[in-house]
C-alpha atoms as a PDB file:
ATOM      1  CA  UNK A   1     -20.548  -1.549  26.795  1.00  0.00           C
ATOM      2  CA  UNK A   2     -17.157  -2.202  25.118  1.00  0.00           C
ATOM      3  CA  UNK A   3     -15.590   0.365  22.758  1.00  0.00           C
ATOM      4  CA  UNK A   4     -14.961  -0.678  19.302  1.00  0.00           C
ATOM      5  CA  UNK A   5     -11.048  -0.470  19.480  1.00  0.00           C
ATOM      6  CA  UNK A   6      -9.219  -0.966  15.989  1.00  0.00           C
ATOM      7  CA  UNK A   7      -7.720  -4.280  15.610  1.00  0.00           C
ATOM      8  CA  UNK A   8      -4.277  -4.796  14.723  1.00  0.00           C
ATOM      9  CA  UNK A   9      -1.992  -7.566  13.431  1.00  0.00           C
ATOM     10  CA  UNK A  10      -1.664 -11.007  15.383  1.00  0.00           C
ATOM     11  CA  UNK A  11       1.144 -11.485  17.889  1.00  0.00           C
ATOM     12  CA  UNK A  12       2.809 -14.085  15.423  1.00  0.00           C
ATOM     13  CA  UNK A  13       2.574 -11.767  12.503  1.00  0.00           C
ATOM     14  CA  UNK A  14       3.832  -8.865  14.232  1.00  0.00           C
ATOM     15  CA  UNK A  15       7.117 -10.794  15.278  1.00  0.00           C
ATOM     16  CA  UNK A  16       7.605 -12.227  11.650  1.00  0.00           C
ATOM     17  CA  UNK A  17       7.315  -8.867  10.226  1.00  0.00           C
ATOM     18  CA  UNK A  18       9.767  -7.049  12.763  1.00  0.00           C
ATOM     19  CA  UNK A  19      12.270  -9.924  12.256  1.00  0.00           C
ATOM     20  CA  UNK A  20      11.813  -9.497   8.529  1.00  0.00           C
ATOM     21  CA  UNK A  21      12.302  -5.800   8.655  1.00  0.00           C
ATOM     22  CA  UNK A  22      15.497  -6.179  10.724  1.00  0.00           C
ATOM     23  CA  UNK A  23      17.096  -8.660   8.414  1.00  0.00           C
ATOM     24  CA  UNK A  24      16.700  -5.772   5.747  1.00  0.00           C
ATOM     25  CA  UNK A  25      17.877  -3.275   7.859  1.00  0.00           C
ATOM     26  CA  UNK A  26      21.321  -5.237   8.831  1.00  0.00           C
ATOM     27  CA  UNK A  27      21.437  -6.415   5.031  1.00  0.00           C
ATOM     28  CA  UNK A  28      21.150  -2.518   4.157  1.00  0.00           C
ATOM     29  CA  UNK A  29      23.784  -1.568   6.747  1.00  0.00           C
ATOM     30  CA  UNK A  30      26.448  -4.515   5.390  1.00  0.00           C
ATOM     31  CA  UNK A  31      25.545  -2.656   1.746  1.00  0.00           C
ATOM     32  CA  UNK A  32      26.224   0.841   2.676  1.00  0.00           C
ATOM     33  CA  UNK A  33      29.792   0.591   3.065  1.00  0.00           C
ATOM     34  CA  UNK A  34      30.509   0.677  -0.685  1.00  0.00           C
ATOM     35  CA  UNK A  35      32.818  -2.045  -0.742  1.00  0.00           C
ATOM     36  CA  UNK A  36      30.181  -4.782  -0.662  1.00  0.00           C
ATOM     37  CA  UNK A  37      30.491  -7.690  -2.920  1.00  0.00           C
ATOM     38  CA  UNK A  38      27.880 -10.337  -4.313  1.00  0.00           C
ATOM     39  CA  UNK A  39      29.297 -12.809  -6.376  1.00  0.00           C
ATOM     40  CA  UNK A  40      32.327 -10.799  -7.174  1.00  0.00           C
ATOM     41  CA  UNK A  41      29.989  -8.011  -8.358  1.00  0.00           C
ATOM     42  CA  UNK A  42      29.896  -4.635  -6.487  1.00  0.00           C
ATOM     43  CA  UNK A  43      26.719  -3.875  -5.233  1.00  0.00           C
ATOM     44  CA  UNK A  44      25.633   0.222  -5.482  1.00  0.00           C
ATOM     45  CA  UNK A  45      24.576   2.211  -2.615  1.00  0.00           C
ATOM     46  CA  UNK A  46      21.585   2.529  -3.798  1.00  0.00           C
ATOM     47  CA  UNK A  47      20.818  -0.980  -3.113  1.00  0.00           C
ATOM     48  CA  UNK A  48      21.563  -0.559   0.425  1.00  0.00           C
ATOM     49  CA  UNK A  49      19.475   2.571   1.095  1.00  0.00           C
ATOM     50  CA  UNK A  50      16.659   0.471  -0.516  1.00  0.00           C
ATOM     51  CA  UNK A  51      17.090  -2.228   1.845  1.00  0.00           C
ATOM     52  CA  UNK A  52      17.142   0.139   4.762  1.00  0.00           C
ATOM     53  CA  UNK A  53      13.712   1.802   3.644  1.00  0.00           C
ATOM     54  CA  UNK A  54      12.244  -1.614   3.067  1.00  0.00           C
ATOM     55  CA  UNK A  55      13.330  -2.888   6.315  1.00  0.00           C
ATOM     56  CA  UNK A  56      12.132   0.286   8.474  1.00  0.00           C
ATOM     57  CA  UNK A  57       8.818   0.174   6.574  1.00  0.00           C
ATOM     58  CA  UNK A  58       8.379  -3.470   7.731  1.00  0.00           C
ATOM     59  CA  UNK A  59       9.196  -2.629  11.377  1.00  0.00           C
ATOM     60  CA  UNK A  60       6.936   0.705  11.092  1.00  0.00           C
ATOM     61  CA  UNK A  61       4.125  -1.677   9.401  1.00  0.00           C
ATOM     62  CA  UNK A  62       4.391  -4.393  12.295  1.00  0.00           C
ATOM     63  CA  UNK A  63       4.042  -1.683  15.006  1.00  0.00           C
ATOM     64  CA  UNK A  64       1.705   0.663  13.928  1.00  0.00           C
ATOM     65  CA  UNK A  65      -0.511  -0.927  11.608  1.00  0.00           C
ATOM     66  CA  UNK A  66      -4.477  -0.669  12.434  1.00  0.00           C
ATOM     67  CA  UNK A  67      -7.392  -1.838  10.881  1.00  0.00           C
ATOM     68  CA  UNK A  68      -9.677   0.873   9.919  1.00  0.00           C
ATOM     69  CA  UNK A  69     -13.251   0.506  11.234  1.00  0.00           C
ATOM     70  CA  UNK A  70     -14.713   0.753   7.493  1.00  0.00           C
ATOM     71  CA  UNK A  71     -12.802  -2.690   6.754  1.00  0.00           C
ATOM     72  CA  UNK A  72     -14.136  -4.062  10.007  1.00  0.00           C
ATOM     73  CA  UNK A  73     -17.571  -2.982   8.843  1.00  0.00           C
ATOM     74  CA  UNK A  74     -17.400  -4.642   5.479  1.00  0.00           C
ATOM     75  CA  UNK A  75     -16.048  -7.721   6.733  1.00  0.00           C
ATOM     76  CA  UNK A  76     -18.818  -8.342   9.066  1.00  0.00           C
ATOM     77  CA  UNK A  77     -21.458  -7.724   6.380  1.00  0.00           C
ATOM     78  CA  UNK A  78     -23.127 -10.874   5.134  1.00  0.00           C
ATOM     79  CA  UNK A  79     -23.608 -12.367   1.887  1.00  0.00           C
ATOM     80  CA  UNK A  80     -27.259 -11.856   0.505  1.00  0.00           C
ATOM     81  CA  UNK A  81     -29.816 -12.992  -2.005  1.00  0.00           C
ATOM     82  CA  UNK A  82     -32.854 -12.011  -3.890  1.00  0.00           C
ATOM     83  CA  UNK A  83     -36.031 -14.036  -3.268  1.00  0.00           C
ATOM     84  CA  UNK A  84     -37.434 -13.421  -6.646  1.00  0.00           C
ATOM     85  CA  UNK A  85     -34.308 -13.811  -9.101  1.00  0.00           C
ATOM     86  CA  UNK A  86     -31.975 -15.396  -6.672  1.00  0.00           C
ATOM     87  CA  UNK A  87     -29.026 -13.298  -7.536  1.00  0.00           C
ATOM     88  CA  UNK A  88     -26.313 -13.319  -4.967  1.00  0.00           C
ATOM     89  CA  UNK A  89     -24.522 -10.420  -3.615  1.00  0.00           C
ATOM     90  CA  UNK A  90     -21.232 -11.243  -1.813  1.00  0.00           C
ATOM     91  CA  UNK A  91     -20.401  -9.593   1.584  1.00  0.00           C
ATOM     92  CA  UNK A  92     -20.021  -5.724   1.055  1.00  0.00           C
ATOM     93  CA  UNK A  93     -21.285  -5.744  -2.329  1.00  0.00           C
ATOM     94  CA  UNK A  94     -25.179  -5.398  -1.867  1.00  0.00           C
ATOM     95  CA  UNK A  95     -26.811  -1.985  -2.968  1.00  0.00           C
ATOM     96  CA  UNK A  96     -27.288   0.569  -0.306  1.00  0.00           C
ATOM     97  CA  UNK A  97     -30.757   0.264  -0.365  1.00  0.00           C
ATOM     98  CA  UNK A  98     -30.922  -3.325   0.383  1.00  0.00           C
ATOM     99  CA  UNK A  99     -32.980  -4.163  -2.990  1.00  0.00           C
ATOM    100  CA  UNK A 100     -32.199  -6.297  -5.889  1.00  0.00           C
ATOM    101  CA  UNK A 101     -30.487  -4.515  -8.823  1.00  0.00           C
ATOM    102  CA  UNK A 102     -32.339  -6.521 -11.273  1.00  0.00           C
ATOM    103  CA  UNK A 103     -36.024  -6.869 -10.059  1.00  0.00           C
ATOM    104  CA  UNK A 104     -35.934  -4.310  -6.807  1.00  0.00           C
ATOM    105  CA  UNK A 105     -37.099  -7.254  -4.345  1.00  0.00           C
ATOM    106  CA  UNK A 106     -35.818  -6.840  -0.661  1.00  0.00           C
ATOM    107  CA  UNK A 107     -32.649  -8.677  -0.217  1.00  0.00           C
ATOM    108  CA  UNK A 108     -32.333 -11.689   2.339  1.00  0.00           C
ATOM    109  CA  UNK A 109     -29.439 -13.143   4.101  1.00  0.00           C
ATOM    110  CA  UNK A 110     -28.000 -16.050   2.120  1.00  0.00           C
ATOM    111  CA  UNK A 111     -27.368 -18.213   5.147  1.00  0.00           C
ATOM    112  CA  UNK A 112     -30.324 -20.406   5.826  1.00  0.00           C
ATOM    113  CA  UNK A 113     -32.242 -18.926   2.548  1.00  0.00           C
ATOM    114  CA  UNK A 114     -33.482 -22.242   1.146  1.00  0.00           C
ATOM    115  CA  UNK A 115     -34.382 -23.694   4.693  1.00  0.00           C
ATOM    116  CA  UNK A 116     -36.942 -20.511   4.671  1.00  0.00           C
ATOM    117  CA  UNK A 117     -37.903 -20.892   1.159  1.00  0.00           C
ATOM    118  CA  UNK A 118     -37.811 -24.509   0.330  1.00  0.00           C
ATOM    119  CA  UNK A 119     -39.954 -23.989  -2.671  1.00  0.00           C
ATOM    120  CA  UNK A 120     -36.993 -22.162  -4.422  1.00  0.00           C
ATOM    121  CA  UNK A 121     -34.680 -25.370  -3.752  1.00  0.00           C
ATOM    122  CA  UNK A 122     -36.065 -27.257  -6.625  1.00  0.00           C
ATOM    123  CA  UNK A 123     -35.966 -24.500  -9.109  1.00  0.00           C
ATOM    124  CA  UNK A 124     -33.890 -25.875 -12.225  1.00  0.00           C
ATOM    125  CA  UNK A 125     -30.633 -24.357 -12.889  1.00  0.00           C
ATOM    126  CA  UNK A 126     -29.940 -23.306 -16.616  1.00  0.00           C
ATOM    127  CA  UNK A 127     -26.205 -24.856 -17.148  1.00  0.00           C
ATOM    128  CA  UNK A 128     -24.604 -24.423 -20.391  1.00  0.00           C
ATOM    129  CA  UNK A 129     -24.475 -27.746 -22.498  1.00  0.00           C
ATOM    130  CA  UNK A 130     -21.217 -29.288 -22.009  1.00  0.00           C
ATOM    131  CA  UNK A 131     -19.614 -29.672 -25.200  1.00  0.00           C
ATOM    132  CA  UNK A 132     -17.582 -33.080 -26.108  1.00  0.00           C
ATOM    133  CA  UNK A 133     -13.870 -32.866 -27.760  1.00  0.00           C
END
């Protein structure tokens, strides 16, 4: 049996974020010397410290980010539908008791619902009348 290991960022995304962070760190180091000018305007040291902080944050995020198990669980849940009133619940939004809020019927997976219930496929839907300009 395989252990559920927290998922991290993809390799491409990690590389991008590390390079992005290093760019911020280098920019922050050049700004900290106090004599930096941007188009002839002196740049304050707080800008350098801000760039350094942002750069270290992005590098830290790229190296240490792990997706929590709760996020994985919600991502794996599926969309459901009520067979009685046909109210759709998006993934992770269904009630805990797996019953419809409106009518109390047991929810079913949305995928393949109309193949299992072809009689509901022909139900007319109430669309608002389109107004002409």
